[in-house]
């Protein structure tokens, strides 16, 4: 934790701009950045947001403020992985169809 006097003396060293396409309200920390729908980030310690454009990404990437494991918290139900491009493990093997639907093999 930074010394409060140091923060007031050198605020630009401690306060960073909100990442592009993210929502940062007053008091936002790196961990609490709000990721909009259609975007994904790898973890709550990453300031880089990726747009989920290909393969119906806007439907797979829910956004939010909870990263979950490996960014999976930003994914809609049934999706996991980078930019939510993988189907969740279920009792049956599943694959991605048309970019936003998981189907059984």
N, C-alpha and C. Protein backbone atom coordinates (compact mmCIF):
# COMPACT_ATOMS: atom_id res chain seq x y z
N UNK A 1 0.84 -1.17 0.00
CA UNK A 1 0.00 0.00 0.00
C UNK A 1 0.89 1.25 0.00
N UNK A 2 0.49 2.21 -0.76
CA UNK A 2 1.28 3.43 -0.89
C UNK A 2 1.03 4.36 0.30
N UNK A 3 2.04 5.14 0.61
CA UNK A 3 1.93 6.15 1.65
C UNK A 3 0.98 7.24 1.15
N UNK A 4 -0.08 7.57 1.90
CA UNK A 4 -1.05 8.57 1.43
C UNK A 4 -0.41 9.91 1.05
N UNK A 5 0.61 10.33 1.77
CA UNK A 5 1.28 11.60 1.43
C UNK A 5 1.97 11.49 0.08
N UNK A 6 2.52 10.33 -0.23
CA UNK A 6 3.18 10.11 -1.50
C UNK A 6 2.16 10.18 -2.65
N UNK A 7 0.96 9.65 -2.41
CA UNK A 7 -0.08 9.68 -3.43
C UNK A 7 -0.45 11.13 -3.78
N UNK A 8 -0.59 11.98 -2.77
CA UNK A 8 -0.93 13.38 -3.02
C UNK A 8 0.21 14.14 -3.67
N UNK A 9 1.45 13.79 -3.35
CA UNK A 9 2.61 14.45 -3.95
C UNK A 9 2.83 14.03 -5.39
N UNK A 10 2.55 12.76 -5.72
CA UNK A 10 2.79 12.22 -7.06
C UNK A 10 1.59 11.39 -7.53
N UNK A 11 0.43 12.01 -7.74
CA UNK A 11 -0.77 11.23 -8.06
C UNK A 11 -0.68 10.45 -9.37
N UNK A 12 0.03 10.96 -10.36
CA UNK A 12 0.09 10.26 -11.64
C UNK A 12 0.89 8.97 -11.55
N UNK A 13 1.68 8.80 -10.53
CA UNK A 13 2.41 7.54 -10.35
C UNK A 13 1.51 6.47 -9.74
N UNK A 14 0.42 6.87 -9.09
CA UNK A 14 -0.44 5.92 -8.41
C UNK A 14 -1.81 5.77 -9.06
N UNK A 15 -2.28 6.80 -9.73
CA UNK A 15 -3.58 6.76 -10.39
C UNK A 15 -3.36 6.60 -11.88
N UNK A 16 -3.97 5.59 -12.46
CA UNK A 16 -3.82 5.32 -13.88
C UNK A 16 -5.15 5.59 -14.58
N UNK A 17 -5.10 5.92 -15.87
CA UNK A 17 -6.36 6.12 -16.59
C UNK A 17 -7.12 4.81 -16.72
N UNK A 18 -8.41 4.91 -16.85
CA UNK A 18 -9.25 3.73 -17.04
C UNK A 18 -8.87 3.08 -18.37
N UNK A 19 -8.73 1.74 -18.41
CA UNK A 19 -8.40 1.08 -19.68
C UNK A 19 -9.44 1.38 -20.75
N UNK A 20 -9.01 1.40 -21.98
CA UNK A 20 -9.90 1.66 -23.12
C UNK A 20 -11.05 0.66 -23.11
N UNK A 21 -12.25 1.14 -23.30
CA UNK A 21 -13.50 0.39 -23.37
C UNK A 21 -14.00 -0.12 -22.02
N UNK A 22 -13.30 0.14 -20.93
CA UNK A 22 -13.74 -0.29 -19.60
C UNK A 22 -14.55 0.82 -18.94
N UNK A 23 -15.24 0.48 -17.87
CA UNK A 23 -15.96 1.45 -17.07
C UNK A 23 -15.30 1.52 -15.71
N UNK A 24 -14.89 2.72 -15.32
CA UNK A 24 -14.23 2.92 -14.03
C UNK A 24 -14.96 4.01 -13.27
N UNK A 25 -15.64 3.62 -12.23
CA UNK A 25 -16.33 4.59 -11.38
C UNK A 25 -15.36 5.09 -10.32
N UNK A 26 -15.75 6.09 -9.57
CA UNK A 26 -14.90 6.62 -8.49
C UNK A 26 -14.51 5.48 -7.56
N UNK A 27 -13.24 5.41 -7.22
CA UNK A 27 -12.75 4.38 -6.32
C UNK A 27 -12.43 3.06 -6.99
N UNK A 28 -12.52 3.00 -8.32
CA UNK A 28 -12.23 1.76 -9.04
C UNK A 28 -10.77 1.38 -8.88
N UNK A 29 -10.53 0.10 -8.67
CA UNK A 29 -9.17 -0.44 -8.64
C UNK A 29 -9.00 -1.32 -9.87
N UNK A 30 -7.78 -1.75 -10.13
CA UNK A 30 -7.54 -2.65 -11.25
C UNK A 30 -8.42 -3.89 -11.15
N UNK A 31 -8.59 -4.39 -9.92
CA UNK A 31 -9.38 -5.59 -9.72
C UNK A 31 -10.87 -5.37 -9.94
N UNK A 32 -11.37 -4.15 -9.75
CA UNK A 32 -12.81 -3.91 -9.82
C UNK A 32 -13.27 -3.22 -11.11
N UNK A 33 -12.41 -3.14 -12.10
CA UNK A 33 -12.80 -2.55 -13.40
C UNK A 33 -14.03 -3.29 -13.94
N UNK A 34 -14.98 -2.54 -14.47
CA UNK A 34 -16.18 -3.13 -15.06
C UNK A 34 -15.93 -3.36 -16.55
N UNK A 35 -15.98 -4.61 -16.94
CA UNK A 35 -15.76 -5.00 -18.34
C UNK A 35 -17.12 -5.01 -19.03
N UNK A 36 -17.30 -4.26 -20.12
CA UNK A 36 -18.61 -4.21 -20.78
C UNK A 36 -18.91 -5.50 -21.56
N UNK A 37 -20.19 -5.79 -21.81
CA UNK A 37 -20.53 -6.94 -22.63
C UNK A 37 -19.83 -6.85 -23.98
N UNK A 38 -19.38 -8.00 -24.49
CA UNK A 38 -18.66 -8.04 -25.75
C UNK A 38 -17.15 -7.92 -25.58
N UNK A 39 -16.69 -7.80 -24.31
CA UNK A 39 -15.26 -7.70 -24.03
C UNK A 39 -14.86 -8.74 -22.99
N UNK A 40 -13.57 -9.03 -22.92
CA UNK A 40 -13.02 -10.04 -22.02
C UNK A 40 -11.64 -9.59 -21.59
N UNK A 41 -11.22 -9.97 -20.38
CA UNK A 41 -9.84 -9.78 -19.97
C UNK A 41 -9.38 -11.03 -19.24
N UNK A 42 -8.09 -11.29 -19.26
CA UNK A 42 -7.54 -12.55 -18.77
C UNK A 42 -7.69 -12.74 -17.27
N UNK A 43 -7.64 -11.67 -16.51
CA UNK A 43 -7.77 -11.78 -15.06
C UNK A 43 -8.05 -10.40 -14.47
N UNK A 44 -8.33 -10.37 -13.18
CA UNK A 44 -8.60 -9.10 -12.53
C UNK A 44 -7.33 -8.28 -12.34
N UNK A 45 -6.18 -8.83 -12.67
CA UNK A 45 -4.92 -8.07 -12.57
C UNK A 45 -4.44 -7.57 -13.93
N UNK A 46 -5.28 -7.71 -14.95
CA UNK A 46 -4.94 -7.25 -16.30
C UNK A 46 -5.69 -5.97 -16.62
N UNK A 47 -4.98 -5.02 -17.23
CA UNK A 47 -5.61 -3.76 -17.65
C UNK A 47 -5.96 -3.79 -19.14
N UNK A 48 -5.76 -4.93 -19.80
CA UNK A 48 -6.01 -5.05 -21.23
C UNK A 48 -7.35 -5.74 -21.46
N UNK A 49 -8.25 -5.07 -22.18
CA UNK A 49 -9.53 -5.66 -22.54
C UNK A 49 -9.48 -6.07 -24.01
N UNK A 50 -10.00 -7.25 -24.29
CA UNK A 50 -10.04 -7.76 -25.66
C UNK A 50 -11.48 -7.75 -26.14
N UNK A 51 -11.69 -7.24 -27.34
CA UNK A 51 -13.03 -7.26 -27.91
C UNK A 51 -13.29 -8.65 -28.47
N UNK A 52 -14.42 -9.22 -28.12
CA UNK A 52 -14.80 -10.56 -28.58
C UNK A 52 -15.57 -10.42 -29.88
N UNK A 53 -14.87 -10.14 -30.96
CA UNK A 53 -15.53 -9.82 -32.23
C UNK A 53 -15.85 -11.05 -33.05
N UNK A 54 -14.89 -11.95 -33.17
CA UNK A 54 -15.08 -13.06 -34.09
C UNK A 54 -16.00 -14.13 -33.50
N UNK A 55 -16.65 -14.86 -34.36
CA UNK A 55 -17.47 -16.01 -33.98
C UNK A 55 -18.56 -15.68 -32.97
N UNK A 56 -19.29 -14.60 -33.18
CA UNK A 56 -20.39 -14.26 -32.29
C UNK A 56 -19.96 -13.84 -30.91
N UNK A 57 -18.81 -13.23 -30.79
CA UNK A 57 -18.23 -12.87 -29.49
C UNK A 57 -19.09 -12.02 -28.60
N UNK A 58 -19.91 -11.15 -29.20
CA UNK A 58 -20.75 -10.29 -28.37
C UNK A 58 -21.77 -11.12 -27.59
N UNK A 59 -22.09 -12.31 -28.05
CA UNK A 59 -23.03 -13.18 -27.33
C UNK A 59 -22.31 -14.06 -26.30
N UNK A 60 -21.05 -14.37 -26.53
CA UNK A 60 -20.28 -15.23 -25.61
C UNK A 60 -19.73 -14.46 -24.43
N UNK A 61 -19.31 -13.21 -24.65
CA UNK A 61 -18.63 -12.43 -23.61
C UNK A 61 -19.62 -11.54 -22.88
N UNK A 62 -19.90 -11.89 -21.63
CA UNK A 62 -20.91 -11.19 -20.84
C UNK A 62 -20.38 -9.91 -20.20
N UNK A 63 -19.05 -9.86 -19.97
CA UNK A 63 -18.47 -8.73 -19.27
C UNK A 63 -18.74 -8.84 -17.78
N UNK A 64 -18.67 -7.72 -17.07
CA UNK A 64 -18.92 -7.71 -15.63
C UNK A 64 -17.68 -7.30 -14.85
N UNK A 65 -17.71 -7.54 -13.55
CA UNK A 65 -16.59 -7.14 -12.70
C UNK A 65 -15.91 -8.32 -12.02
N UNK A 66 -16.42 -9.53 -12.21
CA UNK A 66 -15.84 -10.71 -11.58
C UNK A 66 -15.10 -11.55 -12.62
N UNK A 67 -13.78 -11.63 -12.49
CA UNK A 67 -12.97 -12.36 -13.46
C UNK A 67 -13.16 -13.86 -13.39
N UNK A 68 -13.40 -14.39 -12.20
CA UNK A 68 -13.48 -15.84 -12.05
C UNK A 68 -12.11 -16.44 -12.32
N UNK A 69 -12.06 -17.72 -12.65
CA UNK A 69 -10.80 -18.38 -12.96
C UNK A 69 -10.38 -18.12 -14.39
N UNK A 70 -9.23 -17.56 -14.59
CA UNK A 70 -8.68 -17.32 -15.93
C UNK A 70 -9.60 -16.48 -16.82
N UNK A 71 -10.34 -15.56 -16.24
CA UNK A 71 -11.21 -14.69 -17.02
C UNK A 71 -12.55 -15.30 -17.38
N UNK A 72 -12.82 -16.53 -16.92
CA UNK A 72 -14.08 -17.19 -17.27
C UNK A 72 -15.30 -16.49 -16.69
N UNK A 73 -15.11 -15.68 -15.65
CA UNK A 73 -16.23 -14.93 -15.07
C UNK A 73 -16.81 -13.90 -16.01
N UNK A 74 -16.08 -13.54 -17.06
CA UNK A 74 -16.57 -12.58 -18.04
C UNK A 74 -17.34 -13.27 -19.16
N UNK A 75 -17.47 -14.59 -19.09
CA UNK A 75 -18.13 -15.38 -20.14
C UNK A 75 -19.57 -15.69 -19.78
N UNK A 76 -20.42 -15.81 -20.81
CA UNK A 76 -21.79 -16.27 -20.62
C UNK A 76 -21.76 -17.74 -20.21
N UNK A 77 -22.88 -18.23 -19.71
CA UNK A 77 -23.02 -19.64 -19.34
C UNK A 77 -22.67 -20.52 -20.54
N UNK A 78 -21.99 -21.61 -20.29
CA UNK A 78 -21.57 -22.61 -21.29
C UNK A 78 -20.30 -22.24 -22.04
N UNK A 79 -19.68 -21.07 -21.74
CA UNK A 79 -18.45 -20.69 -22.43
C UNK A 79 -17.34 -20.43 -21.42
N UNK A 80 -16.11 -20.74 -21.83
CA UNK A 80 -14.92 -20.52 -21.01
C UNK A 80 -13.76 -20.17 -21.93
N UNK A 81 -12.62 -19.90 -21.34
CA UNK A 81 -11.38 -19.72 -22.10
C UNK A 81 -11.17 -18.33 -22.63
N UNK A 82 -10.03 -18.14 -23.32
CA UNK A 82 -9.71 -16.83 -23.89
C UNK A 82 -10.83 -16.34 -24.81
N UNK A 83 -11.30 -15.14 -24.55
CA UNK A 83 -12.41 -14.53 -25.29
C UNK A 83 -13.63 -15.44 -25.33
N UNK A 84 -13.75 -16.33 -24.34
CA UNK A 84 -14.91 -17.22 -24.18
C UNK A 84 -15.14 -18.06 -25.43
N UNK A 85 -14.07 -18.51 -26.07
CA UNK A 85 -14.18 -19.24 -27.32
C UNK A 85 -14.27 -20.75 -27.16
N UNK A 86 -14.34 -21.25 -25.91
CA UNK A 86 -14.46 -22.68 -25.69
C UNK A 86 -15.77 -23.01 -25.00
N UNK A 87 -16.30 -24.19 -25.26
CA UNK A 87 -17.50 -24.65 -24.57
C UNK A 87 -17.09 -25.25 -23.24
N UNK A 88 -17.95 -25.13 -22.24
CA UNK A 88 -17.63 -25.69 -20.93
C UNK A 88 -17.65 -27.20 -20.99
N UNK A 89 -16.90 -27.80 -20.09
CA UNK A 89 -16.88 -29.26 -19.99
C UNK A 89 -18.20 -29.72 -19.40
N UNK A 90 -18.86 -30.61 -20.05
CA UNK A 90 -20.09 -31.19 -19.55
C UNK A 90 -19.96 -32.69 -19.60
N UNK A 91 -21.04 -33.39 -19.35
CA UNK A 91 -20.97 -34.85 -19.40
C UNK A 91 -20.69 -35.37 -20.82
N UNK A 92 -21.04 -34.58 -21.80
CA UNK A 92 -20.80 -34.95 -23.20
C UNK A 92 -19.77 -34.02 -23.81
N UNK A 93 -19.06 -34.48 -24.83
CA UNK A 93 -18.13 -33.63 -25.55
C UNK A 93 -18.95 -32.61 -26.34
N UNK A 94 -18.53 -31.35 -26.28
CA UNK A 94 -19.28 -30.30 -26.95
C UNK A 94 -18.35 -29.47 -27.82
N UNK A 95 -18.90 -28.81 -28.79
CA UNK A 95 -18.11 -27.97 -29.67
C UNK A 95 -18.89 -26.70 -30.01
N UNK A 96 -18.16 -25.70 -30.47
CA UNK A 96 -18.75 -24.40 -30.77
C UNK A 96 -19.30 -24.40 -32.20
N UNK A 97 -20.56 -23.97 -32.33
CA UNK A 97 -21.23 -23.90 -33.63
C UNK A 97 -21.64 -22.47 -33.89
N UNK A 98 -21.36 -21.93 -35.06
CA UNK A 98 -21.75 -20.59 -35.45
C UNK A 98 -21.27 -19.52 -34.47
N UNK A 99 -20.26 -19.84 -33.68
CA UNK A 99 -19.64 -18.85 -32.82
C UNK A 99 -20.32 -18.55 -31.51
N UNK A 100 -21.57 -18.95 -31.31
CA UNK A 100 -22.24 -18.63 -30.06
C UNK A 100 -23.11 -19.74 -29.51
N UNK A 101 -23.00 -20.94 -30.05
CA UNK A 101 -23.79 -22.06 -29.59
C UNK A 101 -22.89 -23.26 -29.36
N UNK A 102 -23.10 -23.95 -28.24
CA UNK A 102 -22.36 -25.19 -27.96
C UNK A 102 -23.29 -26.36 -28.23
N UNK A 103 -22.82 -27.30 -29.00
CA UNK A 103 -23.61 -28.49 -29.36
C UNK A 103 -22.88 -29.75 -28.94
N UNK A 104 -23.64 -30.80 -28.61
CA UNK A 104 -23.03 -32.08 -28.30
C UNK A 104 -22.52 -32.71 -29.59
N UNK A 105 -21.42 -33.47 -29.48
CA UNK A 105 -20.88 -34.18 -30.65
C UNK A 105 -21.77 -35.34 -31.00
